[in-house]
Amino acid sequence: MQIDLNADLGEGAPHDRELLTIVSSANISCGVHAGDANTIANAIRLAQAHGVRIGAHPSFPDRENFGRKAMLLPVPSLRNHLLYQLHALRGMVHTQGAQLTHIKPHGALYNQAAVDSKLAEELALILQEFDPQLEVVGLAGGKLLGYAKQLGMTVIAEGFADRRYAADGTLVPRADPRAIIHDPRQSVSQCLEMICEGKVTTLEGKRIDMRVDTVCLHGDTEQALIFAQSLATALSEAGIAINHAVTAA
């Protein structure tokens, strides 16, 4: 048994180097919501050195709020902002002799596209236009994956190690003080429940389906490295390898 572990990196957080010795996929900031040319280039270099898959992590143009503020952009504007980010990151990746493997939207763009059919369809079309061969990473059960799959793209269903879930399978909004898991033991338990049982226990205590291909470890939290190390140890003890394996088509 195996599971892909991914982290959002290149954002200027302090643990990129250490996390890249643990995860199998990296979603690297495109510089709009966080990070800069130096943090991005360094994350690419380290990912390549550790044999970690490199993905693009584009965002709404919202650096002030770390890309976590809901936005409604006209389609031409959304397309311009995303293609600008994706082409820039791919250029930096190619400069270092590496290749992009996937795209994972960031923050509010990610969460809105999981529930908003119109945005999900628009986003899927933009990602297909950029490169139909790249995998699309999105919230397990979310609308973006459905539209990307309809377009013939490979989709990767994602779960979260450090976020709590609502009854409808979406992430509890960060404005809720209960949204973030701060205890590594609870994080490990939630991950094993998703990986081994295809379930997750919601904030209300209900168990719902949550079949995932990859688990995200946020790289910008204070406990990012502790969570990653705890999870890697628990997976090893359970006989689960950390490796990318596409099970969704």
C-alpha atoms as a PDB file:
ATOM      1  CA  MET A   1       0.000   0.000   0.000  1.00  0.00           C
ATOM      2  CA  GLN A   2       1.232   3.485  -0.788  1.00  0.00           C
ATOM      3  CA  ILE A   3       0.127   7.129  -0.672  1.00  0.00           C
ATOM      4  CA  ASP A   4       1.394  10.344  -2.186  1.00  0.00           C
ATOM      5  CA  LEU A   5       2.274  13.080   0.314  1.00  0.00           C
ATOM      6  CA  ASN A   6       2.390  16.626  -1.010  1.00  0.00           C
ATOM      7  CA  ALA A   7       3.322  20.012   0.433  1.00  0.00           C
ATOM      8  CA  ASP A   8       2.781  23.595  -0.730  1.00  0.00           C
ATOM      9  CA  LEU A   9       6.283  25.048  -0.966  1.00  0.00           C
ATOM     10  CA  GLY A  10       8.304  27.968  -2.344  1.00  0.00           C
ATOM     11  CA  GLU A  11       6.179  30.351  -0.259  1.00  0.00           C
ATOM     12  CA  GLY A  12       9.021  31.613   1.923  1.00  0.00           C
ATOM     13  CA  ALA A  13       8.239  29.317   4.878  1.00  0.00           C
ATOM     14  CA  PRO A  14      11.233  27.913   6.818  1.00  0.00           C
ATOM     15  CA  HIS A  15      10.844  24.148   6.329  1.00  0.00           C
ATOM     16  CA  ASP A  16      10.996  23.553   2.558  1.00  0.00           C
ATOM     17  CA  ARG A  17      14.346  21.761   2.729  1.00  0.00           C
ATOM     18  CA  GLU A  18      13.276  19.354   5.466  1.00  0.00           C
ATOM     19  CA  LEU A  19       9.812  18.688   4.035  1.00  0.00           C
ATOM     20  CA  LEU A  20      11.312  17.766   0.679  1.00  0.00           C
ATOM     21  CA  THR A  21      13.096  14.842   2.334  1.00  0.00           C
ATOM     22  CA  ILE A  22       9.683  13.443   3.341  1.00  0.00           C
ATOM     23  CA  VAL A  23       7.064  14.267   0.691  1.00  0.00           C
ATOM     24  CA  SER A  24       6.761  12.759  -2.770  1.00  0.00           C
ATOM     25  CA  SER A  25       5.134  15.765  -4.498  1.00  0.00           C
ATOM     26  CA  ALA A  26       5.652  19.516  -4.163  1.00  0.00           C
ATOM     27  CA  ASN A  27       3.210  22.226  -5.197  1.00  0.00           C
ATOM     28  CA  ILE A  28       5.417  25.248  -5.802  1.00  0.00           C
ATOM     29  CA  SER A  29       4.093  28.773  -5.482  1.00  0.00           C
ATOM     30  CA  CYS A  30       3.879  30.761  -8.695  1.00  0.00           C
ATOM     31  CA  GLY A  31       4.870  33.905  -6.779  1.00  0.00           C
ATOM     32  CA  VAL A  32       1.500  35.656  -6.748  1.00  0.00           C
ATOM     33  CA  HIS A  33       0.130  34.736  -3.322  1.00  0.00           C
ATOM     34  CA  ALA A  34       3.534  34.263  -1.645  1.00  0.00           C
ATOM     35  CA  GLY A  35       7.206  33.656  -2.290  1.00  0.00           C
ATOM     36  CA  ASP A  36       9.518  35.233  -4.848  1.00  0.00           C
ATOM     37  CA  ALA A  37      11.916  34.238  -7.609  1.00  0.00           C
ATOM     38  CA  ASN A  38      14.533  33.052  -5.119  1.00  0.00           C
ATOM     39  CA  THR A  39      12.257  30.940  -2.900  1.00  0.00           C
ATOM     40  CA  ILE A  40      10.635  29.411  -5.971  1.00  0.00           C
ATOM     41  CA  ALA A  41      13.932  28.569  -7.673  1.00  0.00           C
ATOM     42  CA  ASN A  42      15.286  27.094  -4.448  1.00  0.00           C
ATOM     43  CA  ALA A  43      12.204  24.905  -3.975  1.00  0.00           C
ATOM     44  CA  ILE A  44      12.512  23.637  -7.550  1.00  0.00           C
ATOM     45  CA  ARG A  45      16.202  22.842  -7.050  1.00  0.00           C
ATOM     46  CA  LEU A  46      15.594  20.982  -3.787  1.00  0.00           C
ATOM     47  CA  ALA A  47      12.613  19.059  -5.175  1.00  0.00           C
ATOM     48  CA  GLN A  48      14.656  17.928  -8.143  1.00  0.00           C
ATOM     49  CA  ALA A  49      17.561  16.920  -5.890  1.00  0.00           C
ATOM     50  CA  HIS A  50      15.267  14.725  -3.782  1.00  0.00           C
ATOM     51  CA  GLY A  51      13.363  13.201  -6.703  1.00  0.00           C
ATOM     52  CA  VAL A  52      10.131  14.930  -5.670  1.00  0.00           C
ATOM     53  CA  ARG A  53       7.488  15.591  -8.315  1.00  0.00           C
ATOM     54  CA  ILE A  54       7.068  19.291  -9.127  1.00  0.00           C
ATOM     55  CA  GLY A  55       3.670  20.908  -9.550  1.00  0.00           C
ATOM     56  CA  ALA A  56       2.404  24.449 -10.052  1.00  0.00           C
ATOM     57  CA  HIS A  57       0.452  26.165  -7.258  1.00  0.00           C
ATOM     58  CA  PRO A  58      -1.314  29.152  -8.865  1.00  0.00           C
ATOM     59  CA  SER A  59      -3.545  31.558  -6.968  1.00  0.00           C
ATOM     60  CA  PHE A  60      -5.969  34.410  -7.239  1.00  0.00           C
ATOM     61  CA  PRO A  61      -4.010  37.706  -7.435  1.00  0.00           C
ATOM     62  CA  ASP A  62      -4.251  38.314  -3.692  1.00  0.00           C
ATOM     63  CA  ARG A  63      -0.869  38.583  -2.051  1.00  0.00           C
ATOM     64  CA  GLU A  64      -2.230  40.734   0.769  1.00  0.00           C
ATOM     65  CA  ASN A  65      -4.387  37.843   2.028  1.00  0.00           C
ATOM     66  CA  PHE A  66      -2.053  34.964   1.035  1.00  0.00           C
ATOM     67  CA  GLY A  67      -4.501  34.032  -1.732  1.00  0.00           C
ATOM     68  CA  ARG A  68      -7.157  33.079   0.801  1.00  0.00           C
ATOM     69  CA  LYS A  69      -9.745  35.776   0.063  1.00  0.00           C
ATOM     70  CA  ALA A  70     -12.734  34.758  -2.073  1.00  0.00           C
ATOM     71  CA  MET A  71     -12.750  36.501  -5.457  1.00  0.00           C
ATOM     72  CA  LEU A  72     -15.012  36.611  -8.504  1.00  0.00           C
ATOM     73  CA  LEU A  73     -12.915  37.429 -11.555  1.00  0.00           C
ATOM     74  CA  PRO A  74     -14.223  37.748 -15.122  1.00  0.00           C
ATOM     75  CA  VAL A  75     -13.161  34.711 -17.136  1.00  0.00           C
ATOM     76  CA  PRO A  76     -10.664  36.628 -19.348  1.00  0.00           C
ATOM     77  CA  SER A  77      -9.004  38.083 -16.240  1.00  0.00           C
ATOM     78  CA  LEU A  78      -8.875  34.711 -14.474  1.00  0.00           C
ATOM     79  CA  ARG A  79      -7.380  33.145 -17.596  1.00  0.00           C
ATOM     80  CA  ASN A  80      -4.726  35.860 -17.903  1.00  0.00           C
ATOM     81  CA  HIS A  81      -3.704  35.647 -14.253  1.00  0.00           C
ATOM     82  CA  LEU A  82      -3.458  31.843 -14.311  1.00  0.00           C
ATOM     83  CA  LEU A  83      -1.645  31.470 -17.634  1.00  0.00           C
ATOM     84  CA  TYR A  84       0.813  34.173 -16.560  1.00  0.00           C
ATOM     85  CA  GLN A  85       1.636  32.201 -13.405  1.00  0.00           C
ATOM     86  CA  LEU A  86       1.735  28.772 -15.014  1.00  0.00           C
ATOM     87  CA  HIS A  87       3.980  29.757 -17.919  1.00  0.00           C
ATOM     88  CA  ALA A  88       6.349  31.613 -15.587  1.00  0.00           C
ATOM     89  CA  LEU A  89       6.717  28.661 -13.246  1.00  0.00           C
ATOM     90  CA  ARG A  90       7.147  26.164 -16.070  1.00  0.00           C
ATOM     91  CA  GLY A  91       9.888  28.378 -17.483  1.00  0.00           C
ATOM     92  CA  MET A  92      11.738  28.318 -14.164  1.00  0.00           C
ATOM     93  CA  VAL A  93      11.260  24.551 -13.863  1.00  0.00           C
ATOM     94  CA  HIS A  94      12.593  23.944 -17.375  1.00  0.00           C
ATOM     95  CA  THR A  95      15.559  26.233 -16.707  1.00  0.00           C
ATOM     96  CA  GLN A  96      16.661  23.804 -13.992  1.00  0.00           C
ATOM     97  CA  GLY A  97      16.190  20.791 -16.262  1.00  0.00           C
ATOM     98  CA  ALA A  98      13.065  19.563 -14.525  1.00  0.00           C
ATOM     99  CA  GLN A  99       9.463  18.988 -15.636  1.00  0.00           C
ATOM    100  CA  LEU A 100       6.050  19.942 -14.301  1.00  0.00           C
ATOM    101  CA  THR A 101       3.821  16.989 -13.455  1.00  0.00           C
ATOM    102  CA  HIS A 102       0.687  18.552 -11.965  1.00  0.00           C
ATOM    103  CA  ILE A 103      -1.287  21.667 -11.075  1.00  0.00           C
ATOM    104  CA  LYS A 104      -2.917  22.328  -7.720  1.00  0.00           C
ATOM    105  CA  PRO A 105      -4.803  25.620  -7.309  1.00  0.00           C
ATOM    106  CA  HIS A 106      -4.123  27.510  -4.096  1.00  0.00           C
ATOM    107  CA  GLY A 107      -6.295  28.818  -1.289  1.00  0.00           C
ATOM    108  CA  ALA A 108      -9.583  30.475  -2.164  1.00  0.00           C
ATOM    109  CA  LEU A 109      -9.282  29.467  -5.824  1.00  0.00           C
ATOM    110  CA  TYR A 110      -8.974  25.823  -4.746  1.00  0.00           C
ATOM    111  CA  ASN A 111     -11.873  25.961  -2.293  1.00  0.00           C
ATOM    112  CA  GLN A 112     -14.229  27.905  -4.540  1.00  0.00           C
ATOM    113  CA  ALA A 113     -13.580  25.591  -7.484  1.00  0.00           C
ATOM    114  CA  ALA A 114     -14.464  22.625  -5.269  1.00  0.00           C
ATOM    115  CA  VAL A 115     -18.063  23.853  -4.823  1.00  0.00           C
ATOM    116  CA  ASP A 116     -18.782  26.387  -7.603  1.00  0.00           C
ATOM    117  CA  SER A 117     -19.689  24.590 -10.840  1.00  0.00           C
ATOM    118  CA  LYS A 118     -19.175  27.646 -13.056  1.00  0.00           C
ATOM    119  CA  LEU A 119     -15.729  28.425 -11.684  1.00  0.00           C
ATOM    120  CA  ALA A 120     -14.764  24.745 -11.704  1.00  0.00           C
ATOM    121  CA  GLU A 121     -15.628  24.427 -15.391  1.00  0.00           C
ATOM    122  CA  GLU A 122     -13.813  27.664 -16.295  1.00  0.00           C
ATOM    123  CA  LEU A 123     -10.743  26.648 -14.314  1.00  0.00           C
ATOM    124  CA  ALA A 124     -10.650  23.161 -15.834  1.00  0.00           C
ATOM    125  CA  LEU A 125     -10.756  24.656 -19.345  1.00  0.00           C
ATOM    126  CA  ILE A 126      -7.894  27.036 -18.536  1.00  0.00           C
ATOM    127  CA  LEU A 127      -5.773  24.214 -17.104  1.00  0.00           C
ATOM    128  CA  GLN A 128      -6.495  22.068 -20.148  1.00  0.00           C
ATOM    129  CA  GLU A 129      -5.504  24.964 -22.416  1.00  0.00           C
ATOM    130  CA  PHE A 130      -2.192  25.316 -20.595  1.00  0.00           C
ATOM    131  CA  ASP A 131      -1.303  21.613 -20.743  1.00  0.00           C
ATOM    132  CA  PRO A 132      -3.849  18.773 -20.989  1.00  0.00           C
ATOM    133  CA  GLN A 133      -1.184  16.226 -19.994  1.00  0.00           C
ATOM    134  CA  LEU A 134      -0.672  17.609 -16.499  1.00  0.00           C
ATOM    135  CA  GLU A 135      -2.508  16.071 -13.558  1.00  0.00           C
ATOM    136  CA  VAL A 136      -5.072  18.223 -11.759  1.00  0.00           C
ATOM    137  CA  VAL A 137      -5.026  18.051  -7.962  1.00  0.00           C
ATOM    138  CA  GLY A 138      -8.210  19.066  -6.157  1.00  0.00           C
ATOM    139  CA  LEU A 139     -10.390  18.400  -3.147  1.00  0.00           C
ATOM    140  CA  ALA A 140     -11.646  14.825  -3.079  1.00  0.00           C
ATOM    141  CA  GLY A 141     -15.271  14.866  -4.233  1.00  0.00           C
ATOM    142  CA  GLY A 142     -14.965  18.465  -5.445  1.00  0.00           C
ATOM    143  CA  LYS A 143     -16.399  19.852  -8.665  1.00  0.00           C
ATOM    144  CA  LEU A 144     -13.059  20.800 -10.247  1.00  0.00           C
ATOM    145  CA  LEU A 145     -12.024  17.159 -10.471  1.00  0.00           C
ATOM    146  CA  GLY A 146     -15.309  16.253 -12.132  1.00  0.00           C
ATOM    147  CA  TYR A 147     -14.915  18.841 -14.890  1.00  0.00           C
ATOM    148  CA  ALA A 148     -11.217  18.106 -15.425  1.00  0.00           C
ATOM    149  CA  LYS A 149     -12.026  14.422 -15.740  1.00  0.00           C
ATOM    150  CA  GLN A 150     -14.706  15.194 -18.337  1.00  0.00           C
ATOM    151  CA  LEU A 151     -12.015  16.979 -20.355  1.00  0.00           C
ATOM    152  CA  GLY A 152      -9.861  13.839 -20.312  1.00  0.00           C
ATOM    153  CA  MET A 153      -7.341  15.097 -17.777  1.00  0.00           C
ATOM    154  CA  THR A 154      -5.910  12.893 -15.038  1.00  0.00           C
ATOM    155  CA  VAL A 155      -7.282  13.951 -11.665  1.00  0.00           C
ATOM    156  CA  ILE A 156      -5.791  13.473  -8.197  1.00  0.00           C
ATOM    157  CA  ALA A 157      -8.150  13.472  -5.218  1.00  0.00           C
ATOM    158  CA  GLU A 158      -6.625  15.264  -2.245  1.00  0.00           C
ATOM    159  CA  GLY A 159      -7.157  14.999   1.495  1.00  0.00           C
ATOM    160  CA  PHE A 160      -5.689  17.203   4.228  1.00  0.00           C
ATOM    161  CA  ALA A 161      -3.611  16.255   7.233  1.00  0.00           C
ATOM    162  CA  ASP A 162      -4.140  19.446   9.218  1.00  0.00           C
ATOM    163  CA  ARG A 163      -7.670  20.594   8.310  1.00  0.00           C
ATOM    164  CA  ARG A 164     -11.045  19.494   9.651  1.00  0.00           C
ATOM    165  CA  TYR A 165     -13.939  18.578   7.397  1.00  0.00           C
ATOM    166  CA  ALA A 166     -17.558  19.749   7.291  1.00  0.00           C
ATOM    167  CA  ALA A 167     -20.488  17.357   6.824  1.00  0.00           C
ATOM    168  CA  ASP A 168     -20.566  17.984   3.040  1.00  0.00           C
ATOM    169  CA  GLY A 169     -16.923  16.960   2.602  1.00  0.00           C
ATOM    170  CA  THR A 170     -15.586  20.498   2.224  1.00  0.00           C
ATOM    171  CA  LEU A 171     -12.924  21.972   4.482  1.00  0.00           C
ATOM    172  CA  VAL A 172     -14.086  23.862   7.551  1.00  0.00           C
ATOM    173  CA  PRO A 173     -13.408  27.565   6.755  1.00  0.00           C
ATOM    174  CA  ARG A 174     -10.272  28.989   8.349  1.00  0.00           C
ATOM    175  CA  ALA A 175     -12.388  31.653  10.062  1.00  0.00           C
ATOM    176  CA  ASP A 176     -13.679  28.886  12.321  1.00  0.00           C
ATOM    177  CA  PRO A 177     -11.200  28.386  15.204  1.00  0.00           C
ATOM    178  CA  ARG A 178     -11.748  24.631  14.941  1.00  0.00           C
ATOM    179  CA  ALA A 179     -10.675  24.474  11.287  1.00  0.00           C
ATOM    180  CA  ILE A 180      -7.019  23.665  11.921  1.00  0.00           C
ATOM    181  CA  ILE A 181      -5.762  20.481  13.579  1.00  0.00           C
ATOM    182  CA  HIS A 182      -2.967  21.382  15.994  1.00  0.00           C
ATOM    183  CA  ASP A 183      -2.325  17.952  17.547  1.00  0.00           C
ATOM    184  CA  PRO A 184      -0.027  15.714  15.432  1.00  0.00           C
ATOM    185  CA  ARG A 185      -1.737  12.625  16.851  1.00  0.00           C
ATOM    186  CA  GLN A 186      -5.123  13.785  15.599  1.00  0.00           C
ATOM    187  CA  SER A 187      -3.592  14.588  12.237  1.00  0.00           C
ATOM    188  CA  VAL A 188      -2.086  11.109  11.945  1.00  0.00           C
ATOM    189  CA  SER A 189      -5.375   9.504  12.945  1.00  0.00           C
ATOM    190  CA  GLN A 190      -7.298  11.471  10.327  1.00  0.00           C
ATOM    191  CA  CYS A 191      -4.781  10.614   7.617  1.00  0.00           C
ATOM    192  CA  LEU A 192      -4.828   6.900   8.383  1.00  0.00           C
ATOM    193  CA  GLU A 193      -8.630   6.947   8.381  1.00  0.00           C
ATOM    194  CA  MET A 194      -8.635   8.453   4.888  1.00  0.00           C
ATOM    195  CA  ILE A 195      -5.830   6.308   3.495  1.00  0.00           C
ATOM    196  CA  CYS A 196      -6.800   2.950   4.983  1.00  0.00           C
ATOM    197  CA  GLU A 197     -10.587   3.224   5.202  1.00  0.00           C
ATOM    198  CA  GLY A 198     -11.543   5.831   2.617  1.00  0.00           C
ATOM    199  CA  LYS A 199     -13.409   7.743   5.318  1.00  0.00           C
ATOM    200  CA  VAL A 200     -13.032  10.921   7.363  1.00  0.00           C
ATOM    201  CA  THR A 201     -14.710  11.986  10.591  1.00  0.00           C
ATOM    202  CA  THR A 202     -16.301  15.416  10.222  1.00  0.00           C
ATOM    203  CA  LEU A 203     -16.321  18.221  12.753  1.00  0.00           C
ATOM    204  CA  GLU A 204     -19.807  17.047  13.749  1.00  0.00           C
ATOM    205  CA  GLY A 205     -18.569  13.514  14.403  1.00  0.00           C
ATOM    206  CA  LYS A 206     -20.088  11.931  11.298  1.00  0.00           C
ATOM    207  CA  ARG A 207     -17.985   9.563   9.157  1.00  0.00           C
ATOM    208  CA  ILE A 208     -18.238  10.260   5.427  1.00  0.00           C
ATOM    209  CA  ASP A 209     -16.545   8.869   2.320  1.00  0.00           C
ATOM    210  CA  MET A 210     -13.178  10.467   1.599  1.00  0.00           C
ATOM    211  CA  ARG A 211     -11.109   8.423  -0.830  1.00  0.00           C
ATOM    212  CA  VAL A 212      -7.827  10.160  -1.536  1.00  0.00           C
ATOM    213  CA  ASP A 213      -4.836   9.718  -3.836  1.00  0.00           C
ATOM    214  CA  THR A 214      -2.681  12.283  -2.055  1.00  0.00           C
ATOM    215  CA  VAL A 215      -2.500  13.955   1.362  1.00  0.00           C
ATOM    216  CA  CYS A 216      -1.463  17.586   1.802  1.00  0.00           C
ATOM    217  CA  LEU A 217       0.888  18.796   4.531  1.00  0.00           C
ATOM    218  CA  HIS A 218       0.749  22.593   4.590  1.00  0.00           C
ATOM    219  CA  GLY A 219       4.290  23.965   4.485  1.00  0.00           C
ATOM    220  CA  ASP A 220       3.462  27.384   5.948  1.00  0.00           C
ATOM    221  CA  THR A 221       2.328  26.312   9.433  1.00  0.00           C
ATOM    222  CA  GLU A 222       4.537  26.364  12.538  1.00  0.00           C
ATOM    223  CA  GLN A 223       4.032  22.634  13.059  1.00  0.00           C
ATOM    224  CA  ALA A 224       4.536  21.620   9.425  1.00  0.00           C
ATOM    225  CA  LEU A 225       7.715  19.650  10.017  1.00  0.00           C
ATOM    226  CA  ILE A 226       6.450  17.975  13.209  1.00  0.00           C
ATOM    227  CA  PHE A 227       3.286  16.880  11.401  1.00  0.00           C
ATOM    228  CA  ALA A 228       5.273  15.566   8.436  1.00  0.00           C
ATOM    229  CA  GLN A 229       7.694  13.596  10.597  1.00  0.00           C
ATOM    230  CA  SER A 230       4.881  12.151  12.734  1.00  0.00           C
ATOM    231  CA  LEU A 231       2.896  11.108   9.691  1.00  0.00           C
ATOM    232  CA  ALA A 232       5.910   9.591   7.928  1.00  0.00           C
ATOM    233  CA  THR A 233       6.668   7.504  11.038  1.00  0.00           C
ATOM    234  CA  ALA A 234       3.047   6.368  11.367  1.00  0.00           C
ATOM    235  CA  LEU A 235       2.826   5.408   7.687  1.00  0.00           C
ATOM    236  CA  SER A 236       6.047   3.418   7.923  1.00  0.00           C
ATOM    237  CA  GLU A 237       4.777   1.572  10.983  1.00  0.00           C
ATOM    238  CA  ALA A 238       1.524   0.783   9.137  1.00  0.00           C
ATOM    239  CA  GLY A 239       3.432  -0.571   6.122  1.00  0.00           C
ATOM    240  CA  ILE A 240       2.338   2.273   3.848  1.00  0.00           C
ATOM    241  CA  ALA A 241       4.965   3.639   1.475  1.00  0.00           C
ATOM    242  CA  ILE A 242       5.178   7.331   0.592  1.00  0.00           C
ATOM    243  CA  ASN A 243       5.087   7.375  -3.177  1.00  0.00           C
ATOM    244  CA  HIS A 244       3.047   8.869  -5.982  1.00  0.00           C
ATOM    245  CA  ALA A 245       0.483   6.484  -7.397  1.00  0.00           C
ATOM    246  CA  VAL A 246      -2.407   7.670  -9.543  1.00  0.00           C
ATOM    247  CA  THR A 247      -5.565   5.695  -8.790  1.00  0.00           C
ATOM    248  CA  ALA A 248      -8.043   8.193 -10.239  1.00  0.00           C
ATOM    249  CA  ALA A 249      -8.401   8.436 -14.013  1.00  0.00           C
END
